[in-house]
Amino acid sequence: MLVGHDQQKRYFDNLIKNETLGHAYLFAGPDMIGKRTFALDLAKKILGRDIDQNPDFKFIGPKVEEGESKMYIEDVRNLKRFFSLKSYGGSNQIVVIDEADRLTPEASNALLKILEEPPAGAVIILVSSMPDLLLPTIISRCERVNFVPVGVKILEDYLSEVKKLGHENKDFIIKLSGGKIGFAKMLVEGGKLDEAKKAVDDLRKLFKAGVYDKMEYAKKVNEAGDYQSKVNCWLYWVSAHVSNSPKNKKIVEDLLALHRLVSQPQFNHRLALENFLLNL
């Protein structure tokens, strides 16, 4: 279910109605804000049917489940093969590239060639929370559509439809998500609420913990492999309370650095966790 971003909905509804869609768009905005969900919903609207197993739709992103954090030139070559085929529906072919900033330089250059001479009926949607990492030449060939956090009222309306949530949990989700509707939906629909509450509770305890306990915690969560979601929760929680203490601004900066490190496999994640916790 798509929640919020009504201005963007109206904009693309008009483009579809008037048959004036462009060939490339860059959806930019913070993580977990609903950019990818919007892109997938838009693909359904453009094609006029479901995108699952649809030969006119292709989605690519880093193969995280295979330990990858990048997209490579072969991924983009697959797009060229995709566009070389005639549209099954006779009109549009849609590609959504999630986390487009993770394209390697070679893949970026290959994508640029496609954007320079897009096939007729092609609509390419790049999704990124760090668009400045994209090649300027790629950015210049896309129409940028910015996404911002949704208002509290939209979050409250969404959560009001979830009957089993108590008032305390709703307040927690609103505070933690900070208008990131994708994150709020993950907590509710993905069953991650208890996990997020525990992560925040762990962080509160770690502020008062000794060196040994912090080192043991870093070892434990590193071995369990669930630290990326914890880091996200820590970042969102401290960001929501950044004005409560002068120290919180520095902690947010440290969490942003930690988030970047644990999202890339080439770094020592346990060491990064230890360094962050010891500096709390």
C-alpha atoms as a PDB file:
ATOM      1  CA  MET A   1       0.000   0.000   0.000  1.00  0.00           C
ATOM      2  CA  LEU A   2       1.371   3.362  -1.052  1.00  0.00           C
ATOM      3  CA  VAL A   3       1.126   5.977   1.709  1.00  0.00           C
ATOM      4  CA  GLY A   4       1.809   9.703   1.345  1.00  0.00           C
ATOM      5  CA  HIS A   5       3.680  11.580  -1.419  1.00  0.00           C
ATOM      6  CA  ASP A   6       0.417  12.914  -2.874  1.00  0.00           C
ATOM      7  CA  GLN A   7       2.127  15.697  -4.845  1.00  0.00           C
ATOM      8  CA  GLN A   8       4.298  13.175  -6.682  1.00  0.00           C
ATOM      9  CA  LYS A   9       1.236  10.978  -7.305  1.00  0.00           C
ATOM     10  CA  ARG A  10      -0.669  13.842  -8.935  1.00  0.00           C
ATOM     11  CA  TYR A  11       2.338  14.794 -11.043  1.00  0.00           C
ATOM     12  CA  PHE A  12       2.796  11.338 -12.537  1.00  0.00           C
ATOM     13  CA  ASP A  13      -0.951  10.746 -12.897  1.00  0.00           C
ATOM     14  CA  ASN A  14      -1.046  13.824 -15.147  1.00  0.00           C
ATOM     15  CA  LEU A  15       1.970  12.652 -17.141  1.00  0.00           C
ATOM     16  CA  ILE A  16       0.381   9.241 -17.729  1.00  0.00           C
ATOM     17  CA  LYS A  17      -2.993  10.772 -18.606  1.00  0.00           C
ATOM     18  CA  ASN A  18      -1.431  13.195 -21.091  1.00  0.00           C
ATOM     19  CA  GLU A  19       1.045  10.604 -22.416  1.00  0.00           C
ATOM     20  CA  THR A  20       3.987  12.891 -21.679  1.00  0.00           C
ATOM     21  CA  LEU A  21       6.208  10.601 -19.619  1.00  0.00           C
ATOM     22  CA  GLY A  22       9.925  11.225 -19.863  1.00  0.00           C
ATOM     23  CA  HIS A  23      12.459   8.469 -20.438  1.00  0.00           C
ATOM     24  CA  ALA A  24      14.452   8.781 -17.187  1.00  0.00           C
ATOM     25  CA  TYR A  25      13.742   9.877 -13.604  1.00  0.00           C
ATOM     26  CA  LEU A  26      15.854  10.120 -10.464  1.00  0.00           C
ATOM     27  CA  PHE A  27      13.919   9.527  -7.254  1.00  0.00           C
ATOM     28  CA  ALA A  28      16.003  11.149  -4.526  1.00  0.00           C
ATOM     29  CA  GLY A  29      15.466  11.370  -0.780  1.00  0.00           C
ATOM     30  CA  PRO A  30      16.393   9.797   2.582  1.00  0.00           C
ATOM     31  CA  ASP A  31      16.500   6.043   3.172  1.00  0.00           C
ATOM     32  CA  MET A  32      13.249   4.217   3.953  1.00  0.00           C
ATOM     33  CA  ILE A  33      11.058   7.089   2.822  1.00  0.00           C
ATOM     34  CA  GLY A  34       9.010   5.202   0.240  1.00  0.00           C
ATOM     35  CA  LYS A  35      10.935   5.982  -2.973  1.00  0.00           C
ATOM     36  CA  ARG A  36      11.219   2.377  -4.119  1.00  0.00           C
ATOM     37  CA  THR A  37       7.603   1.598  -3.214  1.00  0.00           C
ATOM     38  CA  PHE A  38       6.506   4.652  -5.194  1.00  0.00           C
ATOM     39  CA  ALA A  39       8.635   3.564  -8.175  1.00  0.00           C
ATOM     40  CA  LEU A  40       7.141   0.065  -8.180  1.00  0.00           C
ATOM     41  CA  ASP A  41       3.615   1.427  -7.863  1.00  0.00           C
ATOM     42  CA  LEU A  42       4.308   3.855 -10.709  1.00  0.00           C
ATOM     43  CA  ALA A  43       5.550   1.000 -12.898  1.00  0.00           C
ATOM     44  CA  LYS A  44       2.214  -0.785 -12.359  1.00  0.00           C
ATOM     45  CA  LYS A  45       0.297   2.355 -13.340  1.00  0.00           C
ATOM     46  CA  ILE A  46       2.345   2.914 -16.484  1.00  0.00           C
ATOM     47  CA  LEU A  47       2.047  -0.691 -17.629  1.00  0.00           C
ATOM     48  CA  GLY A  48      -1.564  -0.985 -16.533  1.00  0.00           C
ATOM     49  CA  ARG A  49      -1.057  -4.371 -14.930  1.00  0.00           C
ATOM     50  CA  ASP A  50       0.900  -6.156 -12.216  1.00  0.00           C
ATOM     51  CA  ILE A  51       4.684  -6.151 -12.548  1.00  0.00           C
ATOM     52  CA  ASP A  52       5.314  -9.621 -11.084  1.00  0.00           C
ATOM     53  CA  GLN A  53       6.607 -11.820 -13.901  1.00  0.00           C
ATOM     54  CA  ASN A  54       5.850  -8.988 -16.322  1.00  0.00           C
ATOM     55  CA  PRO A  55       8.148  -9.159 -19.373  1.00  0.00           C
ATOM     56  CA  ASP A  56       7.947  -5.364 -19.767  1.00  0.00           C
ATOM     57  CA  PHE A  57       9.333  -4.693 -16.288  1.00  0.00           C
ATOM     58  CA  LYS A  58      12.817  -5.146 -14.841  1.00  0.00           C
ATOM     59  CA  PHE A  59      14.152  -4.384 -11.363  1.00  0.00           C
ATOM     60  CA  ILE A  60      17.810  -4.346 -10.412  1.00  0.00           C
ATOM     61  CA  GLY A  61      19.630  -3.551  -7.182  1.00  0.00           C
ATOM     62  CA  PRO A  62      22.592  -4.804  -5.167  1.00  0.00           C
ATOM     63  CA  LYS A  63      22.323  -8.547  -4.499  1.00  0.00           C
ATOM     64  CA  VAL A  64      22.591  -8.123  -0.737  1.00  0.00           C
ATOM     65  CA  GLU A  65      21.495 -11.699  -0.080  1.00  0.00           C
ATOM     66  CA  GLU A  66      24.588 -12.811  -2.043  1.00  0.00           C
ATOM     67  CA  GLY A  67      26.894 -10.498  -0.092  1.00  0.00           C
ATOM     68  CA  GLU A  68      27.081  -7.863  -2.826  1.00  0.00           C
ATOM     69  CA  SER A  69      26.945  -4.131  -2.184  1.00  0.00           C
ATOM     70  CA  LYS A  70      27.455  -3.008  -5.785  1.00  0.00           C
ATOM     71  CA  MET A  71      25.882  -3.377  -9.216  1.00  0.00           C
ATOM     72  CA  TYR A  72      28.192  -4.320 -12.041  1.00  0.00           C
ATOM     73  CA  ILE A  73      28.494  -3.822 -15.779  1.00  0.00           C
ATOM     74  CA  GLU A  74      26.847  -7.192 -16.439  1.00  0.00           C
ATOM     75  CA  ASP A  75      23.728  -5.947 -14.657  1.00  0.00           C
ATOM     76  CA  VAL A  76      23.519  -3.016 -17.065  1.00  0.00           C
ATOM     77  CA  ARG A  77      24.270  -5.222 -20.065  1.00  0.00           C
ATOM     78  CA  ASN A  78      21.215  -7.220 -19.038  1.00  0.00           C
ATOM     79  CA  LEU A  79      19.231  -3.989 -19.338  1.00  0.00           C
ATOM     80  CA  LYS A  80      20.471  -3.546 -22.905  1.00  0.00           C
ATOM     81  CA  ARG A  81      19.277  -7.055 -23.710  1.00  0.00           C
ATOM     82  CA  PHE A  82      15.959  -6.287 -22.017  1.00  0.00           C
ATOM     83  CA  PHE A  83      15.444  -3.172 -24.139  1.00  0.00           C
ATOM     84  CA  SER A  84      16.459  -5.022 -27.304  1.00  0.00           C
ATOM     85  CA  LEU A  85      13.273  -7.082 -27.023  1.00  0.00           C
ATOM     86  CA  LYS A  86       9.980  -5.769 -28.317  1.00  0.00           C
ATOM     87  CA  SER A  87       7.531  -4.570 -25.669  1.00  0.00           C
ATOM     88  CA  TYR A  88       5.092  -7.362 -24.822  1.00  0.00           C
ATOM     89  CA  GLY A  89       2.312  -4.849 -24.189  1.00  0.00           C
ATOM     90  CA  GLY A  90       3.169  -2.851 -27.258  1.00  0.00           C
ATOM     91  CA  SER A  91       4.111   0.420 -25.546  1.00  0.00           C
ATOM     92  CA  ASN A  92       6.331   0.937 -22.479  1.00  0.00           C
ATOM     93  CA  GLN A  93       9.209  -0.964 -20.928  1.00  0.00           C
ATOM     94  CA  ILE A  94      10.013   0.009 -17.341  1.00  0.00           C
ATOM     95  CA  VAL A  95      13.282  -0.386 -15.425  1.00  0.00           C
ATOM     96  CA  VAL A  96      13.708   0.464 -11.740  1.00  0.00           C
ATOM     97  CA  ILE A  97      17.306   0.688 -10.488  1.00  0.00           C
ATOM     98  CA  ASP A  98      17.337   0.673  -6.699  1.00  0.00           C
ATOM     99  CA  GLU A  99      20.264   2.230  -4.820  1.00  0.00           C
ATOM    100  CA  ALA A 100      21.565   3.524  -8.135  1.00  0.00           C
ATOM    101  CA  ASP A 101      24.524   5.169  -6.372  1.00  0.00           C
ATOM    102  CA  ARG A 102      25.951   1.667  -5.923  1.00  0.00           C
ATOM    103  CA  LEU A 103      26.637   1.218  -9.629  1.00  0.00           C
ATOM    104  CA  THR A 104      30.330   0.647 -10.306  1.00  0.00           C
ATOM    105  CA  PRO A 105      32.076   3.186 -12.586  1.00  0.00           C
ATOM    106  CA  GLU A 106      31.937   0.696 -15.474  1.00  0.00           C
ATOM    107  CA  ALA A 107      28.236   0.036 -14.896  1.00  0.00           C
ATOM    108  CA  SER A 108      27.570   3.779 -14.635  1.00  0.00           C
ATOM    109  CA  ASN A 109      29.227   4.439 -17.975  1.00  0.00           C
ATOM    110  CA  ALA A 110      27.248   1.620 -19.591  1.00  0.00           C
ATOM    111  CA  LEU A 111      24.017   3.061 -18.164  1.00  0.00           C
ATOM    112  CA  LEU A 112      24.963   6.504 -19.459  1.00  0.00           C
ATOM    113  CA  LYS A 113      25.085   5.140 -22.998  1.00  0.00           C
ATOM    114  CA  ILE A 114      21.534   3.819 -22.613  1.00  0.00           C
ATOM    115  CA  LEU A 115      20.349   7.175 -21.244  1.00  0.00           C
ATOM    116  CA  GLU A 116      22.001   9.030 -24.125  1.00  0.00           C
ATOM    117  CA  GLU A 117      19.975   7.056 -26.671  1.00  0.00           C
ATOM    118  CA  PRO A 118      16.974   5.632 -24.804  1.00  0.00           C
ATOM    119  CA  PRO A 119      14.801   3.153 -26.700  1.00  0.00           C
ATOM    120  CA  ALA A 120      11.318   4.273 -27.663  1.00  0.00           C
ATOM    121  CA  GLY A 121       8.868   3.668 -24.810  1.00  0.00           C
ATOM    122  CA  ALA A 122      11.615   3.137 -22.232  1.00  0.00           C
ATOM    123  CA  VAL A 123      11.107   4.573 -18.751  1.00  0.00           C
ATOM    124  CA  ILE A 124      14.136   4.230 -16.449  1.00  0.00           C
ATOM    125  CA  ILE A 125      13.714   5.123 -12.772  1.00  0.00           C
ATOM    126  CA  LEU A 126      16.832   5.514 -10.628  1.00  0.00           C
ATOM    127  CA  VAL A 127      16.262   5.388  -6.867  1.00  0.00           C
ATOM    128  CA  SER A 128      18.911   6.794  -4.527  1.00  0.00           C
ATOM    129  CA  SER A 129      19.359   8.212  -1.050  1.00  0.00           C
ATOM    130  CA  MET A 130      22.805   9.483  -2.072  1.00  0.00           C
ATOM    131  CA  PRO A 131      22.288  10.957  -5.556  1.00  0.00           C
ATOM    132  CA  ASP A 132      25.447  13.065  -5.333  1.00  0.00           C
ATOM    133  CA  LEU A 133      27.429   9.839  -5.780  1.00  0.00           C
ATOM    134  CA  LEU A 134      25.968   9.367  -9.254  1.00  0.00           C
ATOM    135  CA  LEU A 135      27.829  10.575 -12.323  1.00  0.00           C
ATOM    136  CA  PRO A 136      26.885  14.199 -13.066  1.00  0.00           C
ATOM    137  CA  THR A 137      26.254  13.145 -16.664  1.00  0.00           C
ATOM    138  CA  ILE A 138      23.706  10.560 -15.474  1.00  0.00           C
ATOM    139  CA  ILE A 139      21.993  13.102 -13.222  1.00  0.00           C
ATOM    140  CA  SER A 140      21.781  15.596 -16.096  1.00  0.00           C
ATOM    141  CA  ARG A 141      19.899  13.078 -18.233  1.00  0.00           C
ATOM    142  CA  CYS A 142      17.267  12.331 -15.569  1.00  0.00           C
ATOM    143  CA  GLU A 143      14.389  14.398 -14.291  1.00  0.00           C
ATOM    144  CA  ARG A 144      14.879  14.626 -10.547  1.00  0.00           C
ATOM    145  CA  VAL A 145      11.905  13.968  -8.281  1.00  0.00           C
ATOM    146  CA  ASN A 146      12.571  14.690  -4.606  1.00  0.00           C
ATOM    147  CA  PHE A 147      10.909  12.767  -1.780  1.00  0.00           C
ATOM    148  CA  VAL A 148      10.696  14.167   1.746  1.00  0.00           C
ATOM    149  CA  PRO A 149       9.444  12.701   5.048  1.00  0.00           C
ATOM    150  CA  VAL A 150       5.657  12.522   5.299  1.00  0.00           C
ATOM    151  CA  GLY A 151       3.820  14.570   7.913  1.00  0.00           C
ATOM    152  CA  VAL A 152       2.851  13.287  11.345  1.00  0.00           C
ATOM    153  CA  LYS A 153      -0.841  13.350  10.344  1.00  0.00           C
ATOM    154  CA  ILE A 154      -0.199  10.920   7.459  1.00  0.00           C
ATOM    155  CA  LEU A 155       1.670   8.591   9.814  1.00  0.00           C
ATOM    156  CA  GLU A 156      -1.098   8.831  12.402  1.00  0.00           C
ATOM    157  CA  ASP A 157      -3.755   8.047   9.779  1.00  0.00           C
ATOM    158  CA  TYR A 158      -1.756   5.050   8.565  1.00  0.00           C
ATOM    159  CA  LEU A 159      -1.187   3.725  12.089  1.00  0.00           C
ATOM    160  CA  SER A 160      -4.822   4.278  13.059  1.00  0.00           C
ATOM    161  CA  GLU A 161      -5.744   1.526  10.596  1.00  0.00           C
ATOM    162  CA  VAL A 162      -3.546  -0.948  12.482  1.00  0.00           C
ATOM    163  CA  LYS A 163      -5.976  -2.135  15.138  1.00  0.00           C
ATOM    164  CA  LYS A 164      -3.574  -4.117  17.331  1.00  0.00           C
ATOM    165  CA  LEU A 165      -1.160  -1.234  17.969  1.00  0.00           C
ATOM    166  CA  GLY A 166      -1.442   0.420  21.370  1.00  0.00           C
ATOM    167  CA  HIS A 167      -0.994   4.158  21.917  1.00  0.00           C
ATOM    168  CA  GLU A 168       2.530   3.699  23.284  1.00  0.00           C
ATOM    169  CA  ASN A 169       3.659   1.705  20.265  1.00  0.00           C
ATOM    170  CA  LYS A 170       2.165   4.248  17.863  1.00  0.00           C
ATOM    171  CA  ASP A 171       4.031   7.062  19.584  1.00  0.00           C
ATOM    172  CA  PHE A 172       7.243   5.030  19.438  1.00  0.00           C
ATOM    173  CA  ILE A 173       6.847   4.390  15.689  1.00  0.00           C
ATOM    174  CA  ILE A 174       6.071   8.038  14.923  1.00  0.00           C
ATOM    175  CA  LYS A 175       9.079   9.214  16.924  1.00  0.00           C
ATOM    176  CA  LEU A 176      11.483   6.592  15.587  1.00  0.00           C
ATOM    177  CA  SER A 177      10.467   6.800  11.923  1.00  0.00           C
ATOM    178  CA  GLY A 178      10.740  10.583  11.697  1.00  0.00           C
ATOM    179  CA  GLY A 179       8.361  10.661   8.740  1.00  0.00           C
ATOM    180  CA  LYS A 180      10.085   7.768   6.938  1.00  0.00           C
ATOM    181  CA  ILE A 181       6.942   5.948   5.874  1.00  0.00           C
ATOM    182  CA  GLY A 182       8.914   3.005   4.470  1.00  0.00           C
ATOM    183  CA  PHE A 183      10.548   2.448   7.844  1.00  0.00           C
ATOM    184  CA  ALA A 184       7.214   2.746   9.674  1.00  0.00           C
ATOM    185  CA  LYS A 185       5.659   0.178   7.334  1.00  0.00           C
ATOM    186  CA  MET A 186       8.594  -2.177   7.878  1.00  0.00           C
ATOM    187  CA  LEU A 187       8.075  -1.995  11.653  1.00  0.00           C
ATOM    188  CA  VAL A 188       4.345  -2.637  11.368  1.00  0.00           C
ATOM    189  CA  GLU A 189       3.878  -4.849   8.308  1.00  0.00           C
ATOM    190  CA  GLY A 190       7.276  -6.507   8.505  1.00  0.00           C
ATOM    191  CA  GLY A 191       6.873  -7.443  12.161  1.00  0.00           C
ATOM    192  CA  LYS A 192      10.027  -5.568  13.209  1.00  0.00           C
ATOM    193  CA  LEU A 193       8.537  -3.456  16.012  1.00  0.00           C
ATOM    194  CA  ASP A 194       9.762  -5.601  18.917  1.00  0.00           C
ATOM    195  CA  GLU A 195      13.197  -5.826  17.320  1.00  0.00           C
ATOM    196  CA  ALA A 196      13.378  -2.024  17.005  1.00  0.00           C
ATOM    197  CA  LYS A 197      12.252  -1.490  20.597  1.00  0.00           C
ATOM    198  CA  LYS A 198      14.945  -3.900  21.822  1.00  0.00           C
ATOM    199  CA  ALA A 199      17.603  -2.120  19.739  1.00  0.00           C
ATOM    200  CA  VAL A 200      16.697   1.220  21.318  1.00  0.00           C
ATOM    201  CA  ASP A 201      16.637  -0.357  24.776  1.00  0.00           C
ATOM    202  CA  ASP A 202      20.084  -1.893  24.126  1.00  0.00           C
ATOM    203  CA  LEU A 203      21.471   1.514  23.178  1.00  0.00           C
ATOM    204  CA  ARG A 204      20.144   3.095  26.372  1.00  0.00           C
ATOM    205  CA  LYS A 205      21.889   0.419  28.421  1.00  0.00           C
ATOM    206  CA  LEU A 206      25.115   0.738  26.415  1.00  0.00           C
ATOM    207  CA  PHE A 207      25.435   4.396  27.367  1.00  0.00           C
ATOM    208  CA  LYS A 208      26.038   3.257  30.957  1.00  0.00           C
ATOM    209  CA  ALA A 209      27.893   0.019  30.186  1.00  0.00           C
ATOM    210  CA  GLY A 210      31.570  -0.565  30.863  1.00  0.00           C
ATOM    211  CA  VAL A 211      34.274  -1.266  28.323  1.00  0.00           C
ATOM    212  CA  TYR A 212      34.045  -5.059  28.672  1.00  0.00           C
ATOM    213  CA  ASP A 213      30.257  -5.116  28.213  1.00  0.00           C
ATOM    214  CA  LYS A 214      30.487  -2.894  25.148  1.00  0.00           C
ATOM    215  CA  MET A 215      33.146  -5.124  23.573  1.00  0.00           C
ATOM    216  CA  GLU A 216      31.086  -8.228  24.310  1.00  0.00           C
ATOM    217  CA  TYR A 217      27.981  -6.615  22.820  1.00  0.00           C
ATOM    218  CA  ALA A 218      29.875  -5.719  19.630  1.00  0.00           C
ATOM    219  CA  LYS A 219      31.140  -9.299  19.378  1.00  0.00           C
ATOM    220  CA  LYS A 220      27.672 -10.755  19.982  1.00  0.00           C
ATOM    221  CA  VAL A 221      25.780  -8.654  17.416  1.00  0.00           C
ATOM    222  CA  ASN A 222      28.577  -9.029  14.868  1.00  0.00           C
ATOM    223  CA  GLU A 223      28.400 -12.813  15.125  1.00  0.00           C
ATOM    224  CA  ALA A 224      24.584 -12.717  14.957  1.00  0.00           C
ATOM    225  CA  GLY A 225      24.777 -10.538  11.834  1.00  0.00           C
ATOM    226  CA  ASP A 226      21.789  -8.359  12.802  1.00  0.00           C
ATOM    227  CA  TYR A 227      23.705  -5.162  13.495  1.00  0.00           C
ATOM    228  CA  GLN A 228      22.736  -3.190  10.378  1.00  0.00           C
ATOM    229  CA  SER A 229      19.101  -2.934  11.432  1.00  0.00           C
ATOM    230  CA  LYS A 230      20.222  -2.022  14.969  1.00  0.00           C
ATOM    231  CA  VAL A 231      22.434   0.762  13.659  1.00  0.00           C
ATOM    232  CA  ASN A 232      19.508   2.147  11.651  1.00  0.00           C
ATOM    233  CA  CYS A 233      17.298   2.178  14.751  1.00  0.00           C
ATOM    234  CA  TRP A 234      20.022   3.839  16.815  1.00  0.00           C
ATOM    235  CA  LEU A 235      20.509   6.510  14.172  1.00  0.00           C
ATOM    236  CA  TYR A 236      16.802   7.272  13.866  1.00  0.00           C
ATOM    237  CA  TRP A 237      16.285   7.299  17.639  1.00  0.00           C
ATOM    238  CA  VAL A 238      19.173   9.607  18.474  1.00  0.00           C
ATOM    239  CA  SER A 239      18.261  11.860  15.522  1.00  0.00           C
ATOM    240  CA  ALA A 240      14.744  12.169  16.938  1.00  0.00           C
ATOM    241  CA  HIS A 241      16.244  13.317  20.261  1.00  0.00           C
ATOM    242  CA  VAL A 242      19.159  15.360  18.906  1.00  0.00           C
ATOM    243  CA  SER A 243      17.922  18.541  20.599  1.00  0.00           C
ATOM    244  CA  ASN A 244      17.731  16.885  24.026  1.00  0.00           C
ATOM    245  CA  SER A 245      21.480  16.953  24.641  1.00  0.00           C
ATOM    246  CA  PRO A 246      24.539  18.665  23.099  1.00  0.00           C
ATOM    247  CA  LYS A 247      26.193  15.229  22.932  1.00  0.00           C
ATOM    248  CA  ASN A 248      23.515  13.831  20.634  1.00  0.00           C
ATOM    249  CA  LYS A 249      24.707  15.770  17.578  1.00  0.00           C
ATOM    250  CA  LYS A 250      28.137  14.124  17.842  1.00  0.00           C
ATOM    251  CA  ILE A 251      26.521  10.708  18.365  1.00  0.00           C
ATOM    252  CA  VAL A 252      24.425  11.198  15.210  1.00  0.00           C
ATOM    253  CA  GLU A 253      27.596  12.042  13.262  1.00  0.00           C
ATOM    254  CA  ASP A 254      29.308   8.915  14.628  1.00  0.00           C
ATOM    255  CA  LEU A 255      26.250   6.797  13.775  1.00  0.00           C
ATOM    256  CA  LEU A 256      26.210   8.124  10.218  1.00  0.00           C
ATOM    257  CA  ALA A 257      29.857   7.107   9.875  1.00  0.00           C
ATOM    258  CA  LEU A 258      29.094   3.686  11.398  1.00  0.00           C
ATOM    259  CA  HIS A 259      26.128   3.252   9.053  1.00  0.00           C
ATOM    260  CA  ARG A 260      28.361   3.851   6.028  1.00  0.00           C
ATOM    261  CA  LEU A 261      30.960   1.349   7.274  1.00  0.00           C
ATOM    262  CA  VAL A 262      28.593  -1.522   8.091  1.00  0.00           C
ATOM    263  CA  SER A 263      26.803  -1.142   4.756  1.00  0.00           C
ATOM    264  CA  GLN A 264      29.979  -2.034   2.866  1.00  0.00           C
ATOM    265  CA  PRO A 265      31.492  -5.523   3.127  1.00  0.00           C
ATOM    266  CA  GLN A 266      35.130  -4.478   2.701  1.00  0.00           C
ATOM    267  CA  PHE A 267      35.293  -2.934   6.176  1.00  0.00           C
ATOM    268  CA  ASN A 268      35.791  -4.672   9.529  1.00  0.00           C
ATOM    269  CA  HIS A 269      32.284  -4.348  10.947  1.00  0.00           C
ATOM    270  CA  ARG A 270      33.099  -5.637  14.410  1.00  0.00           C
ATOM    271  CA  LEU A 271      35.906  -3.099  14.795  1.00  0.00           C
ATOM    272  CA  ALA A 272      33.596  -0.318  13.591  1.00  0.00           C
ATOM    273  CA  LEU A 273      30.968  -1.341  16.154  1.00  0.00           C
ATOM    274  CA  GLU A 274      33.546  -1.493  18.935  1.00  0.00           C
ATOM    275  CA  ASN A 275      34.922   1.948  18.096  1.00  0.00           C
ATOM    276  CA  PHE A 276      31.478   3.496  18.074  1.00  0.00           C
ATOM    277  CA  LEU A 277      30.403   1.910  21.361  1.00  0.00           C
ATOM    278  CA  LEU A 278      33.642   2.754  23.160  1.00  0.00           C
ATOM    279  CA  ASN A 279      33.194   6.405  22.177  1.00  0.00           C
ATOM    280  CA  LEU A 280      29.648   6.658  23.517  1.00  0.00           C
END
